Amino acid sequence: MIADFVARFAKLIATYPDDVRVEVEEGDEVTEIVLYANQSDIGKLIGKEGKMIGAIKTVISGCKAKDGISYRINVEAV
């Protein structure tokens, strides 16, 4: 559910939406969501002063309150 939201949101922002993919790595304490995107889209996904990725993290933290799982999100270039 969270990974689908992140992927759909990133594809709306990205210039190259076909390059966007999301992988989920579940750990004992933290579930890590890795967002892969084209190098030219990384700046758009992070946003000025990290505001765009901060907004995504805010939505994800709301899901933490609901299901009790901690999430971490990383943005990486393909």
N, C-alpha and C. Protein backbone atom coordinates (compact mmCIF):
# COMPACT_ATOMS: atom_id res chain seq x y z
N MET A 1 0.82 -1.19 0.00
CA MET A 1 0.00 0.00 0.00
C MET A 1 0.87 1.26 0.00
N ILE A 2 1.82 1.33 0.91
CA ILE A 2 2.70 2.50 1.01
C ILE A 2 3.57 2.59 -0.24
N ALA A 3 4.12 1.48 -0.69
CA ALA A 3 4.99 1.47 -1.87
C ALA A 3 4.21 1.91 -3.11
N ASP A 4 2.96 1.49 -3.22
CA ASP A 4 2.13 1.90 -4.36
C ASP A 4 1.89 3.40 -4.35
N PHE A 5 1.63 3.96 -3.16
CA PHE A 5 1.43 5.41 -3.05
C PHE A 5 2.68 6.16 -3.47
N VAL A 6 3.83 5.74 -2.96
CA VAL A 6 5.09 6.42 -3.27
C VAL A 6 5.38 6.35 -4.76
N ALA A 7 5.17 5.18 -5.37
CA ALA A 7 5.43 5.02 -6.80
C ALA A 7 4.49 5.90 -7.62
N ARG A 8 3.22 5.92 -7.28
CA ARG A 8 2.25 6.71 -8.04
C ARG A 8 2.54 8.20 -7.90
N PHE A 9 2.87 8.65 -6.70
CA PHE A 9 3.19 10.05 -6.44
C PHE A 9 4.45 10.46 -7.22
N ALA A 10 5.47 9.61 -7.18
CA ALA A 10 6.73 9.91 -7.86
C ALA A 10 6.54 9.98 -9.38
N LYS A 11 5.69 9.11 -9.91
CA LYS A 11 5.46 9.12 -11.36
C LYS A 11 4.74 10.38 -11.80
N LEU A 12 3.92 10.96 -10.94
CA LEU A 12 3.25 12.21 -11.27
C LEU A 12 4.22 13.38 -11.35
N ILE A 13 5.27 13.34 -10.53
CA ILE A 13 6.24 14.43 -10.45
C ILE A 13 7.34 14.28 -11.52
N ALA A 14 7.72 13.06 -11.80
CA ALA A 14 8.90 12.78 -12.63
C ALA A 14 8.69 13.14 -14.10
N THR A 15 9.77 13.58 -14.73
CA THR A 15 9.78 13.83 -16.16
C THR A 15 9.84 12.51 -16.92
N TYR A 16 10.51 11.53 -16.35
CA TYR A 16 10.63 10.20 -16.94
C TYR A 16 9.94 9.18 -16.02
N PRO A 17 8.60 9.12 -16.05
CA PRO A 17 7.87 8.24 -15.13
C PRO A 17 8.12 6.75 -15.36
N ASP A 18 8.56 6.38 -16.56
CA ASP A 18 8.83 4.97 -16.83
C ASP A 18 10.06 4.47 -16.08
N ASP A 19 10.94 5.37 -15.68
CA ASP A 19 12.15 4.99 -14.95
C ASP A 19 11.91 4.84 -13.45
N VAL A 20 10.76 5.25 -12.97
CA VAL A 20 10.48 5.21 -11.53
C VAL A 20 10.09 3.79 -11.12
N ARG A 21 10.75 3.30 -10.07
CA ARG A 21 10.35 2.02 -9.48
C ARG A 21 10.63 2.08 -7.98
N VAL A 22 9.90 1.26 -7.26
CA VAL A 22 9.99 1.26 -5.80
C VAL A 22 10.27 -0.16 -5.34
N GLU A 23 11.21 -0.30 -4.40
CA GLU A 23 11.49 -1.59 -3.78
C GLU A 23 11.31 -1.44 -2.28
N VAL A 24 10.77 -2.47 -1.67
CA VAL A 24 10.54 -2.47 -0.23
C VAL A 24 11.43 -3.53 0.39
N GLU A 25 12.20 -3.11 1.40
CA GLU A 25 13.07 -4.03 2.12
C GLU A 25 12.61 -4.04 3.57
N GLU A 26 12.00 -5.14 3.97
CA GLU A 26 11.46 -5.22 5.33
C GLU A 26 12.53 -5.71 6.29
N GLY A 27 12.67 -4.99 7.38
CA GLY A 27 13.62 -5.37 8.42
C GLY A 27 12.88 -5.66 9.71
N ASP A 28 13.64 -5.91 10.78
CA ASP A 28 13.03 -6.21 12.08
C ASP A 28 12.33 -4.99 12.67
N GLU A 29 12.99 -3.85 12.62
CA GLU A 29 12.44 -2.65 13.25
C GLU A 29 11.92 -1.63 12.24
N VAL A 30 12.53 -1.57 11.07
CA VAL A 30 12.20 -0.53 10.09
C VAL A 30 12.00 -1.16 8.71
N THR A 31 10.98 -0.72 8.02
CA THR A 31 10.78 -1.11 6.63
C THR A 31 11.32 0.01 5.76
N GLU A 32 12.27 -0.33 4.90
CA GLU A 32 12.91 0.69 4.06
C GLU A 32 12.30 0.67 2.66
N ILE A 33 11.88 1.84 2.21
CA ILE A 33 11.33 2.00 0.87
C ILE A 33 12.39 2.73 0.04
N VAL A 34 12.85 2.08 -1.02
CA VAL A 34 13.86 2.67 -1.89
C VAL A 34 13.18 3.09 -3.18
N LEU A 35 13.25 4.37 -3.48
CA LEU A 35 12.63 4.94 -4.67
C LEU A 35 13.73 5.18 -5.70
N TYR A 36 13.67 4.45 -6.80
CA TYR A 36 14.65 4.61 -7.88
C TYR A 36 14.03 5.48 -8.96
N ALA A 37 14.79 6.45 -9.45
CA ALA A 37 14.31 7.35 -10.49
C ALA A 37 15.48 7.77 -11.38
N ASN A 38 15.15 8.35 -12.51
CA ASN A 38 16.14 8.88 -13.43
C ASN A 38 16.94 9.97 -12.71
N GLN A 39 18.21 10.07 -13.06
CA GLN A 39 19.10 11.05 -12.41
C GLN A 39 18.54 12.47 -12.50
N SER A 40 17.92 12.83 -13.61
CA SER A 40 17.41 14.19 -13.77
C SER A 40 16.16 14.44 -12.92
N ASP A 41 15.51 13.40 -12.43
CA ASP A 41 14.31 13.55 -11.61
C ASP A 41 14.59 13.56 -10.11
N ILE A 42 15.79 13.25 -9.71
CA ILE A 42 16.11 13.17 -8.29
C ILE A 42 15.85 14.51 -7.59
N GLY A 43 16.27 15.60 -8.20
CA GLY A 43 16.07 16.93 -7.61
C GLY A 43 14.60 17.27 -7.47
N LYS A 44 13.79 16.87 -8.43
CA LYS A 44 12.35 17.13 -8.35
C LYS A 44 11.71 16.34 -7.22
N LEU A 45 12.15 15.09 -7.05
CA LEU A 45 11.56 14.25 -6.01
C LEU A 45 11.96 14.69 -4.61
N ILE A 46 13.17 15.20 -4.47
CA ILE A 46 13.61 15.68 -3.16
C ILE A 46 13.03 17.06 -2.90
N GLY A 47 13.02 17.91 -3.91
CA GLY A 47 12.43 19.24 -3.77
C GLY A 47 13.39 20.23 -3.14
N LYS A 48 12.99 21.50 -3.19
CA LYS A 48 13.80 22.56 -2.59
C LYS A 48 13.83 22.37 -1.09
N GLU A 49 15.05 22.34 -0.55
CA GLU A 49 15.27 22.16 0.88
C GLU A 49 14.62 20.89 1.41
N GLY A 50 14.39 19.90 0.54
CA GLY A 50 13.83 18.62 0.96
C GLY A 50 12.35 18.65 1.27
N LYS A 51 11.65 19.66 0.78
CA LYS A 51 10.24 19.80 1.12
C LYS A 51 9.36 18.73 0.47
N MET A 52 9.67 18.32 -0.75
CA MET A 52 8.85 17.31 -1.42
C MET A 52 8.98 15.96 -0.75
N ILE A 53 10.20 15.53 -0.49
CA ILE A 53 10.40 14.24 0.18
C ILE A 53 9.90 14.32 1.61
N GLY A 54 9.98 15.49 2.21
CA GLY A 54 9.45 15.68 3.57
C GLY A 54 7.94 15.49 3.61
N ALA A 55 7.26 15.95 2.56
CA ALA A 55 5.81 15.76 2.49
C ALA A 55 5.46 14.29 2.34
N ILE A 56 6.24 13.57 1.55
CA ILE A 56 6.02 12.13 1.40
C ILE A 56 6.23 11.43 2.74
N LYS A 57 7.29 11.82 3.46
CA LYS A 57 7.57 11.23 4.77
C LYS A 57 6.45 11.52 5.76
N THR A 58 5.85 12.69 5.67
CA THR A 58 4.75 13.03 6.57
C THR A 58 3.56 12.11 6.34
N VAL A 59 3.23 11.85 5.10
CA VAL A 59 2.12 10.93 4.79
C VAL A 59 2.46 9.52 5.28
N ILE A 60 3.68 9.11 5.08
CA ILE A 60 4.10 7.77 5.50
C ILE A 60 4.07 7.66 7.03
N SER A 61 4.42 8.72 7.74
CA SER A 61 4.37 8.67 9.20
C SER A 61 2.94 8.52 9.70
N GLY A 62 1.97 9.02 8.94
CA GLY A 62 0.57 8.79 9.29
C GLY A 62 0.21 7.32 9.20
N CYS A 63 0.79 6.63 8.25
CA CYS A 63 0.57 5.18 8.12
C CYS A 63 1.23 4.44 9.27
N LYS A 64 2.33 4.96 9.77
CA LYS A 64 2.99 4.35 10.92
C LYS A 64 2.07 4.37 12.13
N ALA A 65 1.35 5.46 12.31
CA ALA A 65 0.43 5.57 13.43
C ALA A 65 -0.69 4.54 13.30
N LYS A 66 -1.04 4.22 12.07
CA LYS A 66 -2.14 3.28 11.84
C LYS A 66 -1.71 1.83 12.03
N ASP A 67 -0.57 1.43 11.44
CA ASP A 67 -0.19 0.02 11.48
C ASP A 67 1.00 -0.29 12.39
N GLY A 68 1.63 0.73 12.96
CA GLY A 68 2.71 0.50 13.91
C GLY A 68 4.05 0.14 13.31
N ILE A 69 4.19 0.21 12.00
CA ILE A 69 5.46 -0.12 11.33
C ILE A 69 6.20 1.18 11.02
N SER A 70 7.49 1.22 11.34
CA SER A 70 8.31 2.39 11.02
C SER A 70 8.83 2.26 9.59
N TYR A 71 8.81 3.38 8.87
CA TYR A 71 9.25 3.39 7.48
C TYR A 71 10.38 4.39 7.31
N ARG A 72 11.30 4.04 6.40
CA ARG A 72 12.36 4.95 6.00
C ARG A 72 12.34 4.98 4.48
N ILE A 73 12.49 6.16 3.89
CA ILE A 73 12.47 6.27 2.44
C ILE A 73 13.79 6.85 1.94
N ASN A 74 14.33 6.23 0.90
CA ASN A 74 15.56 6.70 0.26
C ASN A 74 15.29 6.89 -1.22
N VAL A 75 15.89 7.92 -1.79
CA VAL A 75 15.77 8.18 -3.22
C VAL A 75 17.13 7.95 -3.85
N GLU A 76 17.15 7.09 -4.89
CA GLU A 76 18.42 6.76 -5.55
C GLU A 76 18.26 6.85 -7.06
N ALA A 77 19.34 7.14 -7.76
CA ALA A 77 19.32 7.23 -9.22
C ALA A 77 19.50 5.86 -9.85
N VAL A 78 18.86 5.67 -10.99
CA VAL A 78 19.04 4.41 -11.72
C VAL A 78 20.22 4.50 -12.63
